[in-house]
Amino acid sequence: MSVLDVLRATVGAAALGFARRALDETLARVTTRQIGGAPLANLQMVQGHIAEMALEIDASALLVYRAAWAKDMGAPRVSREAAMAKLMATEAAQRVIDAAVQLHGGDGVRKGFAVESLYREIRALRIYEGASDVQKVIIARATLAECGTGEV
């Protein structure tokens, strides 16, 4: 396993943590913020956002865990798995955090609020250890190599 594979999986794990924090902050917000005398969480559109956030987080977690598991099982190279974990987790975290900002309203962009900080910081994780487009190339080449038609 190359050093970049380890680092990519680690960046994916960090992004997963960012997304989970954003969801936790959002759950606290929508269950306490009142709109029309009822919690914001009672609105179906808000529930839809919460469902999408939870789905993105769980899907990302599975890919991050798979990359770590493959390494633990002694796979000689897990470039594809690490790239998938990094790509999915960082892109999903961006979407989750963006939804969190939306659901926080004006507080979502005010300094001193967790989601504002997460919104600024997630961008760097999408670049570390290879930007998203680089991860796509790694994934595509490894996938093509598996069927004997690509170069790696």
N, C-alpha and C. Protein backbone atom coordinates (compact mmCIF):
# COMPACT_ATOMS: atom_id res chain seq x y z
N MET A 1 0.85 -1.18 0.00
CA MET A 1 0.00 0.00 0.00
C MET A 1 0.89 1.24 0.00
N SER A 2 0.61 2.14 -0.91
CA SER A 2 1.42 3.35 -0.97
C SER A 2 1.04 4.30 0.15
N VAL A 3 1.94 5.20 0.44
CA VAL A 3 1.69 6.20 1.48
C VAL A 3 0.47 7.03 1.12
N LEU A 4 0.31 7.36 -0.16
CA LEU A 4 -0.85 8.15 -0.57
C LEU A 4 -2.15 7.41 -0.33
N ASP A 5 -2.14 6.08 -0.46
CA ASP A 5 -3.36 5.32 -0.18
C ASP A 5 -3.77 5.50 1.27
N VAL A 6 -2.81 5.42 2.17
CA VAL A 6 -3.10 5.61 3.60
C VAL A 6 -3.61 7.02 3.84
N LEU A 7 -2.94 7.99 3.26
CA LEU A 7 -3.33 9.38 3.47
C LEU A 7 -4.70 9.68 2.88
N ARG A 8 -4.99 9.10 1.72
CA ARG A 8 -6.31 9.33 1.11
C ARG A 8 -7.42 8.76 1.99
N ALA A 9 -7.22 7.58 2.51
CA ALA A 9 -8.22 7.00 3.41
C ALA A 9 -8.36 7.84 4.67
N THR A 10 -7.25 8.38 5.15
CA THR A 10 -7.29 9.22 6.34
C THR A 10 -8.03 10.52 6.08
N VAL A 11 -7.82 11.12 4.92
CA VAL A 11 -8.55 12.34 4.56
C VAL A 11 -10.04 12.01 4.46
N GLY A 12 -10.37 10.85 3.91
CA GLY A 12 -11.77 10.43 3.85
C GLY A 12 -12.37 10.31 5.24
N ALA A 13 -11.61 9.75 6.17
CA ALA A 13 -12.09 9.62 7.54
C ALA A 13 -12.29 10.99 8.19
N ALA A 14 -11.39 11.92 7.92
CA ALA A 14 -11.54 13.27 8.46
C ALA A 14 -12.80 13.94 7.91
N ALA A 15 -13.02 13.79 6.60
CA ALA A 15 -14.21 14.37 5.98
C ALA A 15 -15.47 13.76 6.57
N LEU A 16 -15.42 12.48 6.85
CA LEU A 16 -16.54 11.80 7.48
C LEU A 16 -16.84 12.44 8.84
N GLY A 17 -15.80 12.73 9.59
CA GLY A 17 -15.97 13.40 10.88
C GLY A 17 -16.59 14.78 10.72
N PHE A 18 -16.15 15.52 9.71
CA PHE A 18 -16.73 16.84 9.44
C PHE A 18 -18.23 16.71 9.17
N ALA A 19 -18.58 15.74 8.32
CA ALA A 19 -19.99 15.56 7.95
C ALA A 19 -20.82 15.16 9.16
N ARG A 20 -20.30 14.28 9.98
CA ARG A 20 -21.05 13.86 11.18
C ARG A 20 -21.26 15.04 12.12
N ARG A 21 -20.23 15.87 12.27
CA ARG A 21 -20.38 17.05 13.12
C ARG A 21 -21.46 17.97 12.56
N ALA A 22 -21.46 18.16 11.24
CA ALA A 22 -22.47 19.01 10.61
C ALA A 22 -23.87 18.46 10.84
N LEU A 23 -24.02 17.15 10.73
CA LEU A 23 -25.33 16.55 10.98
C LEU A 23 -25.73 16.72 12.44
N ASP A 24 -24.81 16.49 13.36
CA ASP A 24 -25.12 16.67 14.79
C ASP A 24 -25.57 18.10 15.08
N GLU A 25 -24.85 19.07 14.54
CA GLU A 25 -25.21 20.48 14.74
C GLU A 25 -26.58 20.77 14.14
N THR A 26 -26.85 20.18 12.99
CA THR A 26 -28.12 20.41 12.31
C THR A 26 -29.27 19.78 13.06
N LEU A 27 -29.07 18.58 13.57
CA LEU A 27 -30.13 17.93 14.35
C LEU A 27 -30.47 18.77 15.59
N ALA A 28 -29.46 19.29 16.25
CA ALA A 28 -29.70 20.14 17.41
C ALA A 28 -30.48 21.39 17.00
N ARG A 29 -30.12 21.95 15.87
CA ARG A 29 -30.77 23.17 15.39
C ARG A 29 -32.22 22.95 15.00
N VAL A 30 -32.48 21.95 14.17
CA VAL A 30 -33.84 21.78 13.64
C VAL A 30 -34.81 21.23 14.68
N THR A 31 -34.31 20.63 15.73
CA THR A 31 -35.22 20.14 16.77
C THR A 31 -35.53 21.21 17.81
N THR A 32 -34.76 22.29 17.83
CA THR A 32 -35.01 23.35 18.81
C THR A 32 -35.53 24.64 18.17
N ARG A 33 -35.23 24.87 16.92
CA ARG A 33 -35.66 26.09 16.23
C ARG A 33 -37.14 25.97 15.89
N GLN A 34 -37.91 26.95 16.32
CA GLN A 34 -39.36 26.94 16.11
C GLN A 34 -39.74 27.78 14.88
N ILE A 35 -40.58 27.22 14.06
CA ILE A 35 -41.16 27.93 12.92
C ILE A 35 -42.67 27.72 13.00
N GLY A 36 -43.43 28.79 13.13
CA GLY A 36 -44.88 28.68 13.22
C GLY A 36 -45.33 27.87 14.42
N GLY A 37 -44.58 27.94 15.51
CA GLY A 37 -44.95 27.25 16.74
C GLY A 37 -44.57 25.77 16.79
N ALA A 38 -43.85 25.30 15.80
CA ALA A 38 -43.43 23.89 15.78
C ALA A 38 -41.95 23.82 15.40
N PRO A 39 -41.29 22.73 15.81
CA PRO A 39 -39.88 22.60 15.45
C PRO A 39 -39.69 22.54 13.93
N LEU A 40 -38.60 23.13 13.48
CA LEU A 40 -38.24 23.09 12.06
C LEU A 40 -38.20 21.65 11.56
N ALA A 41 -37.84 20.72 12.43
CA ALA A 41 -37.73 19.31 12.07
C ALA A 41 -39.07 18.70 11.65
N ASN A 42 -40.17 19.35 11.97
CA ASN A 42 -41.48 18.82 11.58
C ASN A 42 -41.79 19.01 10.10
N LEU A 43 -41.05 19.87 9.44
CA LEU A 43 -41.30 20.13 8.02
C LEU A 43 -40.72 19.00 7.17
N GLN A 44 -41.52 18.52 6.23
CA GLN A 44 -41.09 17.39 5.41
C GLN A 44 -39.85 17.69 4.58
N MET A 45 -39.72 18.90 4.08
CA MET A 45 -38.54 19.24 3.29
C MET A 45 -37.28 19.17 4.16
N VAL A 46 -37.40 19.60 5.40
CA VAL A 46 -36.27 19.51 6.33
C VAL A 46 -35.95 18.04 6.59
N GLN A 47 -36.98 17.23 6.78
CA GLN A 47 -36.78 15.80 6.99
C GLN A 47 -36.08 15.16 5.79
N GLY A 48 -36.43 15.61 4.59
CA GLY A 48 -35.77 15.11 3.39
C GLY A 48 -34.28 15.44 3.40
N HIS A 49 -33.95 16.65 3.80
CA HIS A 49 -32.53 17.03 3.90
C HIS A 49 -31.80 16.18 4.94
N ILE A 50 -32.44 15.95 6.06
CA ILE A 50 -31.83 15.14 7.12
C ILE A 50 -31.60 13.72 6.61
N ALA A 51 -32.57 13.17 5.91
CA ALA A 51 -32.43 11.81 5.36
C ALA A 51 -31.26 11.75 4.38
N GLU A 52 -31.15 12.73 3.49
CA GLU A 52 -30.05 12.76 2.53
C GLU A 52 -28.70 12.90 3.22
N MET A 53 -28.65 13.72 4.25
CA MET A 53 -27.40 13.89 5.00
C MET A 53 -26.98 12.58 5.65
N ALA A 54 -27.93 11.90 6.29
CA ALA A 54 -27.62 10.62 6.95
C ALA A 54 -27.18 9.57 5.93
N LEU A 55 -27.83 9.54 4.78
CA LEU A 55 -27.49 8.60 3.72
C LEU A 55 -26.07 8.84 3.21
N GLU A 56 -25.73 10.08 2.94
CA GLU A 56 -24.39 10.43 2.45
C GLU A 56 -23.32 10.02 3.46
N ILE A 57 -23.59 10.25 4.73
CA ILE A 57 -22.63 9.92 5.78
C ILE A 57 -22.43 8.42 5.87
N ASP A 58 -23.51 7.66 5.88
CA ASP A 58 -23.37 6.21 5.99
C ASP A 58 -22.69 5.60 4.77
N ALA A 59 -23.02 6.07 3.58
CA ALA A 59 -22.36 5.56 2.37
C ALA A 59 -20.87 5.87 2.40
N SER A 60 -20.52 7.06 2.83
CA SER A 60 -19.11 7.44 2.94
C SER A 60 -18.39 6.57 3.96
N ALA A 61 -19.05 6.34 5.09
CA ALA A 61 -18.43 5.53 6.15
C ALA A 61 -18.11 4.14 5.63
N LEU A 62 -19.01 3.55 4.88
CA LEU A 62 -18.77 2.20 4.36
C LEU A 62 -17.54 2.16 3.46
N LEU A 63 -17.36 3.16 2.62
CA LEU A 63 -16.19 3.19 1.75
C LEU A 63 -14.90 3.44 2.53
N VAL A 64 -14.95 4.31 3.52
CA VAL A 64 -13.77 4.56 4.36
C VAL A 64 -13.40 3.29 5.12
N TYR A 65 -14.41 2.63 5.70
CA TYR A 65 -14.15 1.40 6.45
C TYR A 65 -13.61 0.30 5.54
N ARG A 66 -14.13 0.23 4.30
CA ARG A 66 -13.66 -0.79 3.37
C ARG A 66 -12.19 -0.59 3.03
N ALA A 67 -11.79 0.64 2.81
CA ALA A 67 -10.38 0.92 2.50
C ALA A 67 -9.49 0.52 3.68
N ALA A 68 -9.92 0.85 4.88
CA ALA A 68 -9.14 0.50 6.08
C ALA A 68 -9.11 -1.02 6.26
N TRP A 69 -10.23 -1.67 6.03
CA TRP A 69 -10.31 -3.13 6.18
C TRP A 69 -9.38 -3.82 5.18
N ALA A 70 -9.40 -3.35 3.93
CA ALA A 70 -8.54 -3.96 2.90
C ALA A 70 -7.07 -3.85 3.30
N LYS A 71 -6.69 -2.71 3.83
CA LYS A 71 -5.31 -2.54 4.28
C LYS A 71 -5.02 -3.49 5.44
N ASP A 72 -5.94 -3.56 6.40
CA ASP A 72 -5.75 -4.44 7.55
C ASP A 72 -5.67 -5.91 7.15
N MET A 73 -6.34 -6.27 6.06
CA MET A 73 -6.33 -7.65 5.58
C MET A 73 -5.07 -7.96 4.78
N GLY A 74 -4.21 -6.96 4.61
CA GLY A 74 -2.93 -7.19 3.95
C GLY A 74 -2.94 -7.02 2.45
N ALA A 75 -3.94 -6.37 1.91
CA ALA A 75 -3.96 -6.13 0.46
C ALA A 75 -2.70 -5.35 0.08
N PRO A 76 -2.02 -5.79 -0.98
CA PRO A 76 -0.77 -5.13 -1.35
C PRO A 76 -0.98 -3.69 -1.82
N ARG A 77 -2.11 -3.42 -2.40
CA ARG A 77 -2.38 -2.07 -2.90
C ARG A 77 -3.89 -1.83 -2.85
N VAL A 78 -4.27 -0.73 -2.28
CA VAL A 78 -5.69 -0.39 -2.19
C VAL A 78 -5.95 1.01 -2.75
N SER A 79 -5.28 1.32 -3.84
CA SER A 79 -5.39 2.66 -4.42
C SER A 79 -6.83 2.97 -4.82
N ARG A 80 -7.49 2.01 -5.44
CA ARG A 80 -8.87 2.24 -5.89
C ARG A 80 -9.79 2.47 -4.70
N GLU A 81 -9.67 1.60 -3.68
CA GLU A 81 -10.53 1.72 -2.51
C GLU A 81 -10.27 3.02 -1.76
N ALA A 82 -8.99 3.39 -1.63
CA ALA A 82 -8.64 4.62 -0.93
C ALA A 82 -9.14 5.84 -1.70
N ALA A 83 -9.01 5.81 -3.03
CA ALA A 83 -9.49 6.92 -3.85
C ALA A 83 -11.01 7.04 -3.77
N MET A 84 -11.70 5.90 -3.79
CA MET A 84 -13.16 5.93 -3.65
C MET A 84 -13.57 6.50 -2.30
N ALA A 85 -12.89 6.07 -1.25
CA ALA A 85 -13.21 6.56 0.09
C ALA A 85 -12.99 8.06 0.18
N LYS A 86 -11.85 8.51 -0.33
CA LYS A 86 -11.52 9.94 -0.27
C LYS A 86 -12.50 10.76 -1.10
N LEU A 87 -12.76 10.32 -2.32
CA LEU A 87 -13.66 11.06 -3.21
C LEU A 87 -15.07 11.12 -2.64
N MET A 88 -15.63 9.99 -2.28
CA MET A 88 -17.00 9.95 -1.78
C MET A 88 -17.13 10.74 -0.49
N ALA A 89 -16.22 10.52 0.45
CA ALA A 89 -16.34 11.16 1.76
C ALA A 89 -16.18 12.68 1.67
N THR A 90 -15.23 13.15 0.86
CA THR A 90 -15.04 14.60 0.79
C THR A 90 -16.16 15.28 0.02
N GLU A 91 -16.60 14.69 -1.07
CA GLU A 91 -17.69 15.28 -1.84
C GLU A 91 -19.01 15.22 -1.06
N ALA A 92 -19.25 14.09 -0.39
CA ALA A 92 -20.46 13.96 0.42
C ALA A 92 -20.44 14.95 1.58
N ALA A 93 -19.28 15.09 2.21
CA ALA A 93 -19.17 16.05 3.32
C ALA A 93 -19.48 17.46 2.84
N GLN A 94 -19.03 17.80 1.64
CA GLN A 94 -19.34 19.13 1.10
C GLN A 94 -20.85 19.31 0.98
N ARG A 95 -21.53 18.29 0.47
CA ARG A 95 -22.99 18.38 0.31
C ARG A 95 -23.70 18.42 1.66
N VAL A 96 -23.24 17.60 2.60
CA VAL A 96 -23.85 17.56 3.94
C VAL A 96 -23.67 18.91 4.63
N ILE A 97 -22.47 19.44 4.57
CA ILE A 97 -22.19 20.72 5.22
C ILE A 97 -22.97 21.84 4.55
N ASP A 98 -23.09 21.80 3.24
CA ASP A 98 -23.88 22.80 2.54
C ASP A 98 -25.34 22.75 3.00
N ALA A 99 -25.88 21.55 3.15
CA ALA A 99 -27.25 21.41 3.65
C ALA A 99 -27.36 21.94 5.08
N ALA A 100 -26.34 21.69 5.88
CA ALA A 100 -26.33 22.19 7.26
C ALA A 100 -26.36 23.71 7.28
N VAL A 101 -25.57 24.33 6.42
CA VAL A 101 -25.56 25.80 6.33
C VAL A 101 -26.96 26.29 5.97
N GLN A 102 -27.59 25.67 4.99
CA GLN A 102 -28.93 26.06 4.57
C GLN A 102 -29.93 25.96 5.72
N LEU A 103 -29.86 24.86 6.45
CA LEU A 103 -30.83 24.62 7.52
C LEU A 103 -30.56 25.49 8.76
N HIS A 104 -29.38 26.04 8.85
CA HIS A 104 -29.07 26.96 9.95
C HIS A 104 -29.46 28.40 9.61
N GLY A 105 -29.81 28.64 8.37
CA GLY A 105 -30.18 30.00 7.97
C GLY A 105 -28.99 30.94 8.10
N GLY A 106 -29.24 32.15 8.54
CA GLY A 106 -28.18 33.16 8.67
C GLY A 106 -27.05 32.73 9.58
N ASP A 107 -27.37 31.96 10.61
CA ASP A 107 -26.32 31.49 11.52
C ASP A 107 -25.35 30.53 10.83
N GLY A 108 -25.76 29.96 9.74
CA GLY A 108 -24.90 29.03 9.02
C GLY A 108 -23.68 29.67 8.39
N VAL A 109 -23.73 30.99 8.23
CA VAL A 109 -22.59 31.70 7.65
C VAL A 109 -21.97 32.71 8.61
N ARG A 110 -22.39 32.67 9.86
CA ARG A 110 -21.83 33.60 10.85
C ARG A 110 -20.63 32.99 11.54
N LYS A 111 -19.57 33.78 11.65
CA LYS A 111 -18.38 33.33 12.38
C LYS A 111 -18.78 32.95 13.79
N GLY A 112 -18.12 31.90 14.29
CA GLY A 112 -18.41 31.44 15.64
C GLY A 112 -19.37 30.26 15.68
N PHE A 113 -19.98 29.95 14.55
CA PHE A 113 -20.87 28.80 14.47
C PHE A 113 -20.13 27.65 13.80
N ALA A 114 -20.33 26.46 14.32
CA ALA A 114 -19.58 25.29 13.85
C ALA A 114 -19.76 25.04 12.36
N VAL A 115 -20.98 25.15 11.86
CA VAL A 115 -21.19 24.83 10.45
C VAL A 115 -20.50 25.84 9.53
N GLU A 116 -20.37 27.07 9.96
CA GLU A 116 -19.64 28.06 9.15
C GLU A 116 -18.18 27.66 9.03
N SER A 117 -17.61 27.24 10.13
CA SER A 117 -16.22 26.80 10.14
C SER A 117 -16.03 25.54 9.28
N LEU A 118 -16.94 24.59 9.42
CA LEU A 118 -16.87 23.37 8.62
C LEU A 118 -16.98 23.70 7.13
N TYR A 119 -17.83 24.65 6.80
CA TYR A 119 -18.03 25.03 5.40
C TYR A 119 -16.74 25.56 4.79
N ARG A 120 -16.00 26.35 5.56
CA ARG A 120 -14.72 26.87 5.07
C ARG A 120 -13.66 25.79 4.99
N GLU A 121 -13.64 24.90 5.97
CA GLU A 121 -12.56 23.93 6.09
C GLU A 121 -12.69 22.71 5.18
N ILE A 122 -13.89 22.35 4.78
CA ILE A 122 -14.06 21.13 3.99
C ILE A 122 -13.42 21.27 2.61
N ARG A 123 -13.34 22.48 2.13
CA ARG A 123 -12.78 22.67 0.78
C ARG A 123 -11.35 22.16 0.68
N ALA A 124 -10.57 22.40 1.72
CA ALA A 124 -9.17 21.94 1.70
C ALA A 124 -9.09 20.42 1.64
N LEU A 125 -9.97 19.73 2.35
CA LEU A 125 -9.93 18.26 2.33
C LEU A 125 -10.24 17.71 0.95
N ARG A 126 -11.00 18.44 0.16
CA ARG A 126 -11.31 17.98 -1.20
C ARG A 126 -10.10 18.09 -2.11
N ILE A 127 -9.08 18.83 -1.68
CA ILE A 127 -7.87 19.02 -2.48
C ILE A 127 -6.71 18.16 -1.98
N TYR A 128 -6.57 18.01 -0.66
CA TYR A 128 -5.46 17.23 -0.09
C TYR A 128 -5.36 15.85 -0.72
N GLU A 129 -4.14 15.40 -0.94
CA GLU A 129 -3.82 14.07 -1.45
C GLU A 129 -4.45 13.79 -2.81
N GLY A 130 -4.66 14.85 -3.57
CA GLY A 130 -5.21 14.72 -4.91
C GLY A 130 -6.64 15.22 -4.97
N ALA A 131 -6.89 16.18 -5.83
CA ALA A 131 -8.23 16.74 -5.98
C ALA A 131 -9.20 15.67 -6.48
N SER A 132 -10.47 15.99 -6.44
CA SER A 132 -11.51 15.03 -6.81
C SER A 132 -11.31 14.44 -8.21
N ASP A 133 -10.92 15.26 -9.16
CA ASP A 133 -10.71 14.75 -10.52
C ASP A 133 -9.56 13.75 -10.57
N VAL A 134 -8.55 13.94 -9.76
CA VAL A 134 -7.44 12.98 -9.69
C VAL A 134 -7.95 11.65 -9.15
N GLN A 135 -8.81 11.70 -8.14
CA GLN A 135 -9.36 10.47 -7.57
C GLN A 135 -10.18 9.71 -8.62
N LYS A 136 -10.91 10.44 -9.44
CA LYS A 136 -11.70 9.81 -10.50
C LYS A 136 -10.81 9.08 -11.50
N VAL A 137 -9.68 9.68 -11.83
CA VAL A 137 -8.74 9.04 -12.76
C VAL A 137 -8.20 7.75 -12.14
N ILE A 138 -7.82 7.80 -10.88
CA ILE A 138 -7.31 6.61 -10.18
C ILE A 138 -8.36 5.50 -10.18
N ILE A 139 -9.58 5.86 -9.85
CA ILE A 139 -10.67 4.87 -9.80
C ILE A 139 -10.93 4.28 -11.18
N ALA A 140 -11.00 5.13 -12.19
CA ALA A 140 -11.27 4.66 -13.55
C ALA A 140 -10.17 3.73 -14.05
N ARG A 141 -8.92 4.12 -13.85
CA ARG A 141 -7.81 3.29 -14.33
C ARG A 141 -7.78 1.94 -13.62
N ALA A 142 -8.01 1.94 -12.33
CA ALA A 142 -8.02 0.67 -11.60
C ALA A 142 -9.19 -0.20 -12.03
N THR A 143 -10.32 0.41 -12.27
CA THR A 143 -11.51 -0.34 -12.70
C THR A 143 -11.29 -0.91 -14.10
N LEU A 144 -10.73 -0.12 -14.99
CA LEU A 144 -10.43 -0.61 -16.34
C LEU A 144 -9.39 -1.71 -16.31
N ALA A 145 -8.40 -1.59 -15.45
CA ALA A 145 -7.36 -2.62 -15.34
C ALA A 145 -7.94 -3.95 -14.88
N GLU A 146 -8.98 -3.90 -14.05
CA GLU A 146 -9.61 -5.14 -13.57
C GLU A 146 -10.24 -5.93 -14.69
N CYS A 147 -10.69 -5.25 -15.73
CA CYS A 147 -11.31 -5.98 -16.84
C CYS A 147 -10.34 -6.16 -18.00
N GLY A 148 -9.09 -5.76 -17.79
CA GLY A 148 -8.07 -6.01 -18.78
C GLY A 148 -8.03 -5.04 -19.94
N THR A 149 -8.73 -3.91 -19.83
CA THR A 149 -8.75 -2.97 -20.94
C THR A 149 -8.06 -1.65 -20.64
N GLY A 150 -7.62 -1.46 -19.42
CA GLY A 150 -7.02 -0.18 -19.06
C GLY A 150 -5.56 -0.32 -18.70
N GLU A 151 -4.95 0.81 -18.49
CA GLU A 151 -3.56 0.85 -18.06
C GLU A 151 -3.50 1.38 -16.64
N VAL A 152 -2.60 0.82 -15.86
CA VAL A 152 -2.40 1.33 -14.50
C VAL A 152 -0.92 1.51 -14.28
